[in-house]
Amino acid sequence: MTKANYVQRVYQITQQIPFGRVSTYGAIADYLELGSARMVGWALNKSFTEANVPAHRVVNRKGELSGRNHFPTPTLMQQLLENEGVEVIDNQVQQFDKKFWSPKDKFQKKI
């Protein structure tokens, strides 16, 4: 699999995360069977420059905004989530279990 193909598959799943919900690097990696959560983070590292890739909706397994420093400002990720009604306190999504969305919930077949 090429680097571009890998990134495109991560973007396709990230684009499916519903407004006001979050997923995790690990959930995306597990669904795509593409390796580690860190690889998903790497793919999303500069995705804010890509149209329609809501990377702000991807957090770590604890609901923490671990990718916030890869946005143009360290507070942008939180601002974007709060604009969608997701409460964030101390860089952590509140009610994470209720806000969590898994690609497995939406797709039966792998992308």
PDB file of N, CA and C in Angstrom:
ATOM      1  N   MET A   1       0.837  -1.175   0.000  1.00  0.00           N
ATOM      2  CA  MET A   1       0.000   0.000   0.000  1.00  0.00           C
ATOM      3  C   MET A   1       0.885   1.241   0.000  1.00  0.00           C
ATOM      4  N   THR A   2       0.554   2.182  -0.831  1.00  0.00           N
ATOM      5  CA  THR A   2       1.343   3.409  -0.913  1.00  0.00           C
ATOM      6  C   THR A   2       0.985   4.349   0.226  1.00  0.00           C
ATOM      7  N   LYS A   3       1.887   5.269   0.484  1.00  0.00           N
ATOM      8  CA  LYS A   3       1.666   6.286   1.513  1.00  0.00           C
ATOM      9  C   LYS A   3       0.404   7.087   1.207  1.00  0.00           C
ATOM     10  N   ALA A   4       0.211   7.490  -0.037  1.00  0.00           N
ATOM     11  CA  ALA A   4      -0.963   8.278  -0.422  1.00  0.00           C
ATOM     12  C   ALA A   4      -2.249   7.491  -0.210  1.00  0.00           C
ATOM     13  N   ASN A   5      -2.232   6.201  -0.531  1.00  0.00           N
ATOM     14  CA  ASN A   5      -3.410   5.364  -0.357  1.00  0.00           C
ATOM     15  C   ASN A   5      -3.755   5.224   1.130  1.00  0.00           C
ATOM     16  N   TYR A   6      -2.744   5.036   1.961  1.00  0.00           N
ATOM     17  CA  TYR A   6      -2.937   4.928   3.402  1.00  0.00           C
ATOM     18  C   TYR A   6      -3.599   6.194   3.945  1.00  0.00           C
ATOM     19  N   VAL A   7      -3.036   7.329   3.606  1.00  0.00           N
ATOM     20  CA  VAL A   7      -3.570   8.607   4.075  1.00  0.00           C
ATOM     21  C   VAL A   7      -5.002   8.796   3.588  1.00  0.00           C
ATOM     22  N   GLN A   8      -5.271   8.465   2.350  1.00  0.00           N
ATOM     23  CA  GLN A   8      -6.617   8.611   1.794  1.00  0.00           C
ATOM     24  C   GLN A   8      -7.632   7.758   2.556  1.00  0.00           C
ATOM     25  N   ARG A   9      -7.261   6.555   2.917  1.00  0.00           N
ATOM     26  CA  ARG A   9      -8.178   5.687   3.668  1.00  0.00           C
ATOM     27  C   ARG A   9      -8.454   6.245   5.059  1.00  0.00           C
ATOM     28  N   VAL A  10      -7.439   6.788   5.705  1.00  0.00           N
ATOM     29  CA  VAL A  10      -7.637   7.421   7.018  1.00  0.00           C
ATOM     30  C   VAL A  10      -8.571   8.626   6.859  1.00  0.00           C
ATOM     31  N   TYR A  11      -8.353   9.428   5.834  1.00  0.00           N
ATOM     32  CA  TYR A  11      -9.217  10.596   5.590  1.00  0.00           C
ATOM     33  C   TYR A  11     -10.658  10.170   5.333  1.00  0.00           C
ATOM     34  N   GLN A  12     -10.860   9.098   4.575  1.00  0.00           N
ATOM     35  CA  GLN A  12     -12.218   8.639   4.270  1.00  0.00           C
ATOM     36  C   GLN A  12     -12.991   8.287   5.542  1.00  0.00           C
ATOM     37  N   ILE A  13     -12.339   7.616   6.463  1.00  0.00           N
ATOM     38  CA  ILE A  13     -13.003   7.268   7.721  1.00  0.00           C
ATOM     39  C   ILE A  13     -13.223   8.519   8.567  1.00  0.00           C
ATOM     40  N   THR A  14     -12.225   9.365   8.669  1.00  0.00           N
ATOM     41  CA  THR A  14     -12.338  10.580   9.473  1.00  0.00           C
ATOM     42  C   THR A  14     -13.485  11.457   8.978  1.00  0.00           C
ATOM     43  N   GLN A  15     -13.691  11.501   7.683  1.00  0.00           N
ATOM     44  CA  GLN A  15     -14.788  12.294   7.114  1.00  0.00           C
ATOM     45  C   GLN A  15     -16.162  11.756   7.511  1.00  0.00           C
ATOM     46  N   GLN A  16     -16.223  10.527   7.970  1.00  0.00           N
ATOM     47  CA  GLN A  16     -17.499   9.914   8.352  1.00  0.00           C
ATOM     48  C   GLN A  16     -17.876  10.157   9.816  1.00  0.00           C
ATOM     49  N   ILE A  17     -16.961  10.673  10.616  1.00  0.00           N
ATOM     50  CA  ILE A  17     -17.265  10.913  12.029  1.00  0.00           C
ATOM     51  C   ILE A  17     -18.353  11.989  12.095  1.00  0.00           C
ATOM     52  N   PRO A  18     -19.469  11.684  12.731  1.00  0.00           N
ATOM     53  CA  PRO A  18     -20.577  12.644  12.766  1.00  0.00           C
ATOM     54  C   PRO A  18     -20.246  13.922  13.538  1.00  0.00           C
ATOM     55  N   PHE A  19     -20.886  14.996  13.140  1.00  0.00           N
ATOM     56  CA  PHE A  19     -20.820  16.291  13.827  1.00  0.00           C
ATOM     57  C   PHE A  19     -21.161  16.068  15.305  1.00  0.00           C
ATOM     58  N   GLY A  20     -20.334  16.606  16.181  1.00  0.00           N
ATOM     59  CA  GLY A  20     -20.599  16.502  17.611  1.00  0.00           C
ATOM     60  C   GLY A  20     -20.165  15.194  18.242  1.00  0.00           C
ATOM     61  N   ARG A  21     -19.459  14.374  17.500  1.00  0.00           N
ATOM     62  CA  ARG A  21     -18.964  13.094  18.012  1.00  0.00           C
ATOM     63  C   ARG A  21     -17.458  13.044  17.820  1.00  0.00           C
ATOM     64  N   VAL A  22     -16.808  12.109  18.483  1.00  0.00           N
ATOM     65  CA  VAL A  22     -15.366  11.922  18.346  1.00  0.00           C
ATOM     66  C   VAL A  22     -15.057  10.445  18.169  1.00  0.00           C
ATOM     67  N   SER A  23     -13.923  10.180  17.563  1.00  0.00           N
ATOM     68  CA  SER A  23     -13.402   8.827  17.459  1.00  0.00           C
ATOM     69  C   SER A  23     -11.972   8.860  17.966  1.00  0.00           C
ATOM     70  N   THR A  24     -11.317   7.724  17.904  1.00  0.00           N
ATOM     71  CA  THR A  24      -9.931   7.661  18.381  1.00  0.00           C
ATOM     72  C   THR A  24      -9.003   7.183  17.269  1.00  0.00           C
ATOM     73  N   TYR A  25      -7.743   7.513  17.431  1.00  0.00           N
ATOM     74  CA  TYR A  25      -6.728   7.046  16.489  1.00  0.00           C
ATOM     75  C   TYR A  25      -6.748   5.529  16.430  1.00  0.00           C
ATOM     76  N   GLY A  26      -6.869   4.904  17.591  1.00  0.00           N
ATOM     77  CA  GLY A  26      -6.866   3.450  17.661  1.00  0.00           C
ATOM     78  C   GLY A  26      -8.074   2.807  17.007  1.00  0.00           C
ATOM     79  N   ALA A  27      -9.259   3.394  17.174  1.00  0.00           N
ATOM     80  CA  ALA A  27     -10.471   2.837  16.556  1.00  0.00           C
ATOM     81  C   ALA A  27     -10.350   2.870  15.040  1.00  0.00           C
ATOM     82  N   ILE A  28      -9.789   3.945  14.515  1.00  0.00           N
ATOM     83  CA  ILE A  28      -9.603   4.062  13.063  1.00  0.00           C
ATOM     84  C   ILE A  28      -8.565   3.052  12.590  1.00  0.00           C
ATOM     85  N   ALA A  29      -7.452   2.943  13.313  1.00  0.00           N
ATOM     86  CA  ALA A  29      -6.400   1.982  12.942  1.00  0.00           C
ATOM     87  C   ALA A  29      -6.927   0.556  12.991  1.00  0.00           C
ATOM     88  N   ASP A  30      -7.673   0.223  14.030  1.00  0.00           N
ATOM     89  CA  ASP A  30      -8.226  -1.131  14.150  1.00  0.00           C
ATOM     90  C   ASP A  30      -9.186  -1.431  13.009  1.00  0.00           C
ATOM     91  N   TYR A  31     -10.039  -0.483  12.697  1.00  0.00           N
ATOM     92  CA  TYR A  31     -11.019  -0.700  11.642  1.00  0.00           C
ATOM     93  C   TYR A  31     -10.349  -0.921  10.287  1.00  0.00           C
ATOM     94  N   LEU A  32      -9.376  -0.095   9.981  1.00  0.00           N
ATOM     95  CA  LEU A  32      -8.702  -0.182   8.688  1.00  0.00           C
ATOM     96  C   LEU A  32      -7.630  -1.265   8.644  1.00  0.00           C
ATOM     97  N   GLU A  33      -7.313  -1.844   9.793  1.00  0.00           N
ATOM     98  CA  GLU A  33      -6.262  -2.857   9.878  1.00  0.00           C
ATOM     99  C   GLU A  33      -4.975  -2.369   9.225  1.00  0.00           C
ATOM    100  N   LEU A  34      -4.611  -1.145   9.561  1.00  0.00           N
ATOM    101  CA  LEU A  34      -3.462  -0.500   8.929  1.00  0.00           C
ATOM    102  C   LEU A  34      -2.283  -0.265   9.855  1.00  0.00           C
ATOM    103  N   GLY A  35      -2.303  -0.848  11.008  1.00  0.00           N
ATOM    104  CA  GLY A  35      -1.176  -0.637  11.898  1.00  0.00           C
ATOM    105  C   GLY A  35      -1.584   0.091  13.159  1.00  0.00           C
ATOM    106  N   SER A  36      -0.705   0.889  13.669  1.00  0.00           N
ATOM    107  CA  SER A  36      -0.889   1.490  14.978  1.00  0.00           C
ATOM    108  C   SER A  36      -1.672   2.798  14.936  1.00  0.00           C
ATOM    109  N   ALA A  37      -2.125   3.176  16.114  1.00  0.00           N
ATOM    110  CA  ALA A  37      -2.803   4.456  16.283  1.00  0.00           C
ATOM    111  C   ALA A  37      -1.868   5.609  15.898  1.00  0.00           C
ATOM    112  N   ARG A  38      -0.597   5.441  16.164  1.00  0.00           N
ATOM    113  CA  ARG A  38       0.372   6.497  15.819  1.00  0.00           C
ATOM    114  C   ARG A  38       0.422   6.747  14.313  1.00  0.00           C
ATOM    115  N   MET A  39       0.215   5.705  13.544  1.00  0.00           N
ATOM    116  CA  MET A  39       0.197   5.870  12.087  1.00  0.00           C
ATOM    117  C   MET A  39      -1.007   6.707  11.648  1.00  0.00           C
ATOM    118  N   VAL A  40      -2.136   6.519  12.312  1.00  0.00           N
ATOM    119  CA  VAL A  40      -3.319   7.333  12.009  1.00  0.00           C
ATOM    120  C   VAL A  40      -3.030   8.782  12.385  1.00  0.00           C
ATOM    121  N   GLY A  41      -2.419   8.991  13.539  1.00  0.00           N
ATOM    122  CA  GLY A  41      -2.036  10.341  13.948  1.00  0.00           C
ATOM    123  C   GLY A  41      -1.102  10.987  12.940  1.00  0.00           C
ATOM    124  N   TRP A  42      -0.143  10.203  12.458  1.00  0.00           N
ATOM    125  CA  TRP A  42       0.780  10.713  11.440  1.00  0.00           C
ATOM    126  C   TRP A  42       0.018  11.131  10.190  1.00  0.00           C
ATOM    127  N   ALA A  43      -0.943  10.310   9.765  1.00  0.00           N
ATOM    128  CA  ALA A  43      -1.716  10.623   8.554  1.00  0.00           C
ATOM    129  C   ALA A  43      -2.538  11.894   8.737  1.00  0.00           C
ATOM    130  N   LEU A  44      -3.030  12.107   9.955  1.00  0.00           N
ATOM    131  CA  LEU A  44      -3.870  13.285  10.214  1.00  0.00           C
ATOM    132  C   LEU A  44      -3.059  14.519  10.601  1.00  0.00           C
ATOM    133  N   ASN A  45      -1.768  14.362  10.767  1.00  0.00           N
ATOM    134  CA  ASN A  45      -0.904  15.429  11.261  1.00  0.00           C
ATOM    135  C   ASN A  45      -1.107  16.768  10.562  1.00  0.00           C
ATOM    136  N   LYS A  46      -1.234  16.764   9.276  1.00  0.00           N
ATOM    137  CA  LYS A  46      -1.392  18.022   8.543  1.00  0.00           C
ATOM    138  C   LYS A  46      -2.721  18.084   7.799  1.00  0.00           C
ATOM    139  N   SER A  47      -3.678  17.291   8.242  1.00  0.00           N
ATOM    140  CA  SER A  47      -4.947  17.198   7.517  1.00  0.00           C
ATOM    141  C   SER A  47      -5.796  18.450   7.607  1.00  0.00           C
ATOM    142  N   PHE A  48      -5.486  19.362   8.540  1.00  0.00           N
ATOM    143  CA  PHE A  48      -6.283  20.594   8.605  1.00  0.00           C
ATOM    144  C   PHE A  48      -6.134  21.424   7.337  1.00  0.00           C
ATOM    145  N   THR A  49      -5.120  21.106   6.539  1.00  0.00           N
ATOM    146  CA  THR A  49      -4.962  21.808   5.265  1.00  0.00           C
ATOM    147  C   THR A  49      -5.800  21.168   4.163  1.00  0.00           C
ATOM    148  N   GLU A  50      -6.336  19.982   4.435  1.00  0.00           N
ATOM    149  CA  GLU A  50      -7.158  19.274   3.457  1.00  0.00           C
ATOM    150  C   GLU A  50      -8.631  19.638   3.666  1.00  0.00           C
ATOM    151  N   ALA A  51      -9.356  19.776   2.583  1.00  0.00           N
ATOM    152  CA  ALA A  51     -10.778  20.089   2.669  1.00  0.00           C
ATOM    153  C   ALA A  51     -11.547  18.900   3.246  1.00  0.00           C
ATOM    154  N   ASN A  52     -12.486  19.184   4.099  1.00  0.00           N
ATOM    155  CA  ASN A  52     -13.429  18.190   4.611  1.00  0.00           C
ATOM    156  C   ASN A  52     -12.807  17.032   5.389  1.00  0.00           C
ATOM    157  N   VAL A  53     -11.711  17.266   6.078  1.00  0.00           N
ATOM    158  CA  VAL A  53     -11.140  16.245   6.943  1.00  0.00           C
ATOM    159  C   VAL A  53     -11.204  16.786   8.378  1.00  0.00           C
ATOM    160  N   PRO A  54     -12.222  16.364   9.136  1.00  0.00           N
ATOM    161  CA  PRO A  54     -12.396  16.903  10.492  1.00  0.00           C
ATOM    162  C   PRO A  54     -11.487  16.226  11.520  1.00  0.00           C
ATOM    163  N   ALA A  55     -10.189  16.442  11.385  1.00  0.00           N
ATOM    164  CA  ALA A  55      -9.215  15.803  12.268  1.00  0.00           C
ATOM    165  C   ALA A  55      -9.422  16.187  13.727  1.00  0.00           C
ATOM    166  N   HIS A  56     -10.100  17.305  13.969  1.00  0.00           N
ATOM    167  CA  HIS A  56     -10.353  17.717  15.351  1.00  0.00           C
ATOM    168  C   HIS A  56     -11.253  16.724  16.078  1.00  0.00           C
ATOM    169  N   ARG A  57     -11.939  15.863  15.347  1.00  0.00           N
ATOM    170  CA  ARG A  57     -12.831  14.867  15.947  1.00  0.00           C
ATOM    171  C   ARG A  57     -12.116  13.572  16.319  1.00  0.00           C
ATOM    172  N   VAL A  58     -10.800  13.533  16.160  1.00  0.00           N
ATOM    173  CA  VAL A  58     -10.034  12.332  16.492  1.00  0.00           C
ATOM    174  C   VAL A  58      -9.159  12.639  17.708  1.00  0.00           C
ATOM    175  N   VAL A  59      -9.361  11.846  18.762  1.00  0.00           N
ATOM    176  CA  VAL A  59      -8.663  12.045  20.028  1.00  0.00           C
ATOM    177  C   VAL A  59      -7.985  10.739  20.438  1.00  0.00           C
ATOM    178  N   ASN A  60      -7.259  10.770  21.527  1.00  0.00           N
ATOM    179  CA  ASN A  60      -6.621   9.521  21.968  1.00  0.00           C
ATOM    180  C   ASN A  60      -7.623   8.638  22.714  1.00  0.00           C
ATOM    181  N   ARG A  61      -7.197   7.469  23.124  1.00  0.00           N
ATOM    182  CA  ARG A  61      -8.107   6.477  23.712  1.00  0.00           C
ATOM    183  C   ARG A  61      -8.716   6.909  25.036  1.00  0.00           C
ATOM    184  N   LYS A  62      -8.139   7.937  25.651  1.00  0.00           N
ATOM    185  CA  LYS A  62      -8.675   8.465  26.907  1.00  0.00           C
ATOM    186  C   LYS A  62      -9.586   9.676  26.679  1.00  0.00           C
ATOM    187  N   GLY A  63      -9.739  10.070  25.416  1.00  0.00           N
ATOM    188  CA  GLY A  63     -10.543  11.252  25.111  1.00  0.00           C
ATOM    189  C   GLY A  63      -9.774  12.556  25.209  1.00  0.00           C
ATOM    190  N   GLU A  64      -8.469  12.454  25.269  1.00  0.00           N
ATOM    191  CA  GLU A  64      -7.625  13.648  25.374  1.00  0.00           C
ATOM    192  C   GLU A  64      -7.301  14.212  23.993  1.00  0.00           C
ATOM    193  N   LEU A  65      -7.159  15.517  23.934  1.00  0.00           N
ATOM    194  CA  LEU A  65      -6.840  16.200  22.676  1.00  0.00           C
ATOM    195  C   LEU A  65      -5.338  16.132  22.428  1.00  0.00           C
ATOM    196  N   SER A  66      -4.838  14.948  22.250  1.00  0.00           N
ATOM    197  CA  SER A  66      -3.398  14.747  22.119  1.00  0.00           C
ATOM    198  C   SER A  66      -2.837  15.325  20.822  1.00  0.00           C
ATOM    199  N   GLY A  67      -3.658  15.549  19.820  1.00  0.00           N
ATOM    200  CA  GLY A  67      -3.190  16.107  18.557  1.00  0.00           C
ATOM    201  C   GLY A  67      -3.284  17.618  18.464  1.00  0.00           C
ATOM    202  N   ARG A  68      -3.651  18.273  19.540  1.00  0.00           N
ATOM    203  CA  ARG A  68      -3.923  19.719  19.498  1.00  0.00           C
ATOM    204  C   ARG A  68      -2.741  20.567  19.037  1.00  0.00           C
ATOM    205  N   ASN A  69      -1.526  20.106  19.309  1.00  0.00           N
ATOM    206  CA  ASN A  69      -0.352  20.901  18.936  1.00  0.00           C
ATOM    207  C   ASN A  69      -0.029  20.826  17.449  1.00  0.00           C
ATOM    208  N   HIS A  70      -0.750  20.001  16.707  1.00  0.00           N
ATOM    209  CA  HIS A  70      -0.534  19.901  15.260  1.00  0.00           C
ATOM    210  C   HIS A  70      -1.479  20.809  14.479  1.00  0.00           C
ATOM    211  N   PHE A  71      -2.335  21.513  15.194  1.00  0.00           N
ATOM    212  CA  PHE A  71      -3.228  22.485  14.556  1.00  0.00           C
ATOM    213  C   PHE A  71      -2.531  23.835  14.506  1.00  0.00           C
ATOM    214  N   PRO A  72      -3.022  24.754  13.682  1.00  0.00           N
ATOM    215  CA  PRO A  72      -2.369  26.063  13.573  1.00  0.00           C
ATOM    216  C   PRO A  72      -2.183  26.776  14.911  1.00  0.00           C
ATOM    217  N   THR A  73      -3.124  26.586  15.846  1.00  0.00           N
ATOM    218  CA  THR A  73      -2.958  27.084  17.211  1.00  0.00           C
ATOM    219  C   THR A  73      -3.318  25.938  18.154  1.00  0.00           C
ATOM    220  N   PRO A  74      -2.721  25.889  19.348  1.00  0.00           N
ATOM    221  CA  PRO A  74      -2.992  24.778  20.260  1.00  0.00           C
ATOM    222  C   PRO A  74      -4.422  24.745  20.811  1.00  0.00           C
ATOM    223  N   THR A  75      -5.171  25.823  20.647  1.00  0.00           N
ATOM    224  CA  THR A  75      -6.546  25.859  21.153  1.00  0.00           C
ATOM    225  C   THR A  75      -7.589  25.605  20.060  1.00  0.00           C
ATOM    226  N   LEU A  76      -7.158  25.533  18.808  1.00  0.00           N
ATOM    227  CA  LEU A  76      -8.110  25.389  17.707  1.00  0.00           C
ATOM    228  C   LEU A  76      -8.892  24.081  17.772  1.00  0.00           C
ATOM    229  N   MET A  77      -8.244  22.991  18.119  1.00  0.00           N
ATOM    230  CA  MET A  77      -8.930  21.696  18.187  1.00  0.00           C
ATOM    231  C   MET A  77     -10.091  21.779  19.185  1.00  0.00           C
ATOM    232  N   GLN A  78      -9.829  22.334  20.352  1.00  0.00           N
ATOM    233  CA  GLN A  78     -10.872  22.480  21.370  1.00  0.00           C
ATOM    234  C   GLN A  78     -11.979  23.404  20.876  1.00  0.00           C
ATOM    235  N   GLN A  79     -11.626  24.511  20.258  1.00  0.00           N
ATOM    236  CA  GLN A  79     -12.628  25.447  19.747  1.00  0.00           C
ATOM    237  C   GLN A  79     -13.545  24.777  18.730  1.00  0.00           C
ATOM    238  N   LEU A  80     -12.967  24.005  17.821  1.00  0.00           N
ATOM    239  CA  LEU A  80     -13.768  23.325  16.799  1.00  0.00           C
ATOM    240  C   LEU A  80     -14.712  22.303  17.427  1.00  0.00           C
ATOM    241  N   LEU A  81     -14.235  21.562  18.417  1.00  0.00           N
ATOM    242  CA  LEU A  81     -15.095  20.598  19.106  1.00  0.00           C
ATOM    243  C   LEU A  81     -16.216  21.309  19.867  1.00  0.00           C
ATOM    244  N   GLU A  82     -15.870  22.372  20.561  1.00  0.00           N
ATOM    245  CA  GLU A  82     -16.887  23.114  21.316  1.00  0.00           C
ATOM    246  C   GLU A  82     -17.925  23.731  20.392  1.00  0.00           C
ATOM    247  N   ASN A  83     -17.503  24.136  19.185  1.00  0.00           N
ATOM    248  CA  ASN A  83     -18.460  24.659  18.195  1.00  0.00           C
ATOM    249  C   ASN A  83     -19.478  23.598  17.785  1.00  0.00           C
ATOM    250  N   GLU A  84     -19.134  22.333  18.006  1.00  0.00           N
ATOM    251  CA  GLU A  84     -20.020  21.223  17.674  1.00  0.00           C
ATOM    252  C   GLU A  84     -20.769  20.699  18.903  1.00  0.00           C
ATOM    253  N   GLY A  85     -20.613  21.392  20.023  1.00  0.00           N
ATOM    254  CA  GLY A  85     -21.321  20.991  21.231  1.00  0.00           C
ATOM    255  C   GLY A  85     -20.603  19.965  22.079  1.00  0.00           C
ATOM    256  N   VAL A  86     -19.333  19.714  21.792  1.00  0.00           N
ATOM    257  CA  VAL A  86     -18.542  18.759  22.580  1.00  0.00           C
ATOM    258  C   VAL A  86     -17.855  19.549  23.691  1.00  0.00           C
ATOM    259  N   GLU A  87     -18.138  19.181  24.927  1.00  0.00           N
ATOM    260  CA  GLU A  87     -17.522  19.867  26.062  1.00  0.00           C
ATOM    261  C   GLU A  87     -16.117  19.328  26.290  1.00  0.00           C
ATOM    262  N   VAL A  88     -15.167  20.255  26.442  1.00  0.00           N
ATOM    263  CA  VAL A  88     -13.770  19.901  26.671  1.00  0.00           C
ATOM    264  C   VAL A  88     -13.285  20.660  27.898  1.00  0.00           C
ATOM    265  N   ILE A  89     -12.759  19.938  28.859  1.00  0.00           N
ATOM    266  CA  ILE A  89     -12.177  20.547  30.057  1.00  0.00           C
ATOM    267  C   ILE A  89     -10.777  19.978  30.227  1.00  0.00           C
ATOM    268  N   ASP A  90      -9.813  20.881  30.409  1.00  0.00           N
ATOM    269  CA  ASP A  90      -8.407  20.480  30.569  1.00  0.00           C
ATOM    270  C   ASP A  90      -7.961  19.525  29.458  1.00  0.00           C
ATOM    271  N   ASN A  91      -8.299  19.892  28.226  1.00  0.00           N
ATOM    272  CA  ASN A  91      -7.904  19.127  27.031  1.00  0.00           C
ATOM    273  C   ASN A  91      -8.455  17.705  27.006  1.00  0.00           C
ATOM    274  N   GLN A  92      -9.599  17.488  27.635  1.00  0.00           N
ATOM    275  CA  GLN A  92     -10.216  16.164  27.639  1.00  0.00           C
ATOM    276  C   GLN A  92     -11.711  16.283  27.345  1.00  0.00           C
ATOM    277  N   VAL A  93     -12.181  15.437  26.417  1.00  0.00           N
ATOM    278  CA  VAL A  93     -13.590  15.399  26.058  1.00  0.00           C
ATOM    279  C   VAL A  93     -14.387  14.892  27.252  1.00  0.00           C
ATOM    280  N   GLN A  94     -15.410  15.652  27.618  1.00  0.00           N
ATOM    281  CA  GLN A  94     -16.291  15.243  28.701  1.00  0.00           C
ATOM    282  C   GLN A  94     -17.360  14.295  28.157  1.00  0.00           C
ATOM    283  N   GLN A  95     -17.783  13.365  28.971  1.00  0.00           N
ATOM    284  CA  GLN A  95     -18.741  12.334  28.568  1.00  0.00           C
ATOM    285  C   GLN A  95     -18.246  11.610  27.308  1.00  0.00           C
ATOM    286  N   PHE A  96     -16.965  11.290  27.345  1.00  0.00           N
ATOM    287  CA  PHE A  96     -16.312  10.658  26.205  1.00  0.00           C
ATOM    288  C   PHE A  96     -17.049   9.407  25.744  1.00  0.00           C
ATOM    289  N   ASP A  97     -17.515   8.602  26.690  1.00  0.00           N
ATOM    290  CA  ASP A  97     -18.201   7.358  26.321  1.00  0.00           C
ATOM    291  C   ASP A  97     -19.480   7.624  25.531  1.00  0.00           C
ATOM    292  N   LYS A  98     -20.124   8.755  25.757  1.00  0.00           N
ATOM    293  CA  LYS A  98     -21.352   9.102  25.025  1.00  0.00           C
ATOM    294  C   LYS A  98     -21.049   9.784  23.692  1.00  0.00           C
ATOM    295  N   LYS A  99     -19.909  10.413  23.601  1.00  0.00           N
ATOM    296  CA  LYS A  99     -19.519  11.133  22.383  1.00  0.00           C
ATOM    297  C   LYS A  99     -18.741  10.251  21.408  1.00  0.00           C
ATOM    298  N   PHE A 100     -18.256   9.102  21.892  1.00  0.00           N
ATOM    299  CA  PHE A 100     -17.410   8.235  21.073  1.00  0.00           C
ATOM    300  C   PHE A 100     -18.198   7.602  19.927  1.00  0.00           C
ATOM    301  N   TRP A 101     -17.578   7.626  18.748  1.00  0.00           N
ATOM    302  CA  TRP A 101     -18.119   6.979  17.545  1.00  0.00           C
ATOM    303  C   TRP A 101     -17.051   6.043  17.008  1.00  0.00           C
ATOM    304  N   SER A 102     -17.455   4.835  16.693  1.00  0.00           N
ATOM    305  CA  SER A 102     -16.524   3.861  16.125  1.00  0.00           C
ATOM    306  C   SER A 102     -16.870   3.626  14.662  1.00  0.00           C
ATOM    307  N   PRO A 103     -15.871   3.516  13.792  1.00  0.00           N
ATOM    308  CA  PRO A 103     -16.156   3.186  12.393  1.00  0.00           C
ATOM    309  C   PRO A 103     -16.929   1.881  12.263  1.00  0.00           C
ATOM    310  N   LYS A 104     -16.743   0.977  13.212  1.00  0.00           N
ATOM    311  CA  LYS A 104     -17.463  -0.299  13.174  1.00  0.00           C
ATOM    312  C   LYS A 104     -18.967  -0.097  13.337  1.00  0.00           C
ATOM    313  N   ASP A 105     -19.373   1.013  13.963  1.00  0.00           N
ATOM    314  CA  ASP A 105     -20.804   1.318  14.127  1.00  0.00           C
ATOM    315  C   ASP A 105     -21.446   1.642  12.790  1.00  0.00           C
ATOM    316  N   LYS A 106     -20.683   2.206  11.883  1.00  0.00           N
ATOM    317  CA  LYS A 106     -21.235   2.663  10.605  1.00  0.00           C
ATOM    318  C   LYS A 106     -21.025   1.664   9.483  1.00  0.00           C
ATOM    319  N   PHE A 107     -19.863   1.069   9.423  1.00  0.00           N
ATOM    320  CA  PHE A 107     -19.501   0.256   8.263  1.00  0.00           C
ATOM    321  C   PHE A 107     -19.443  -1.227   8.605  1.00  0.00           C
ATOM    322  N   GLN A 108     -20.039  -2.019   7.785  1.00  0.00           N
ATOM    323  CA  GLN A 108     -19.919  -3.472   7.924  1.00  0.00           C
ATOM    324  C   GLN A 108     -18.729  -3.977   7.124  1.00  0.00           C
ATOM    325  N   LYS A 109     -18.442  -3.302   6.036  1.00  0.00           N
ATOM    326  CA  LYS A 109     -17.393  -3.709   5.109  1.00  0.00           C
ATOM    327  C   LYS A 109     -16.242  -2.708   5.180  1.00  0.00           C
ATOM    328  N   LYS A 110     -15.060  -3.190   5.100  1.00  0.00           N
ATOM    329  CA  LYS A 110     -13.877  -2.315   5.171  1.00  0.00           C
ATOM    330  C   LYS A 110     -13.788  -1.414   3.938  1.00  0.00           C
ATOM    331  N   ILE A 111     -13.275  -0.219   4.166  1.00  0.00           N
ATOM    332  CA  ILE A 111     -13.038   0.718   3.066  1.00  0.00           C
ATOM    333  C   ILE A 111     -11.698   0.370   2.440  1.00  0.00           C
TER     334      ILE A 111
END
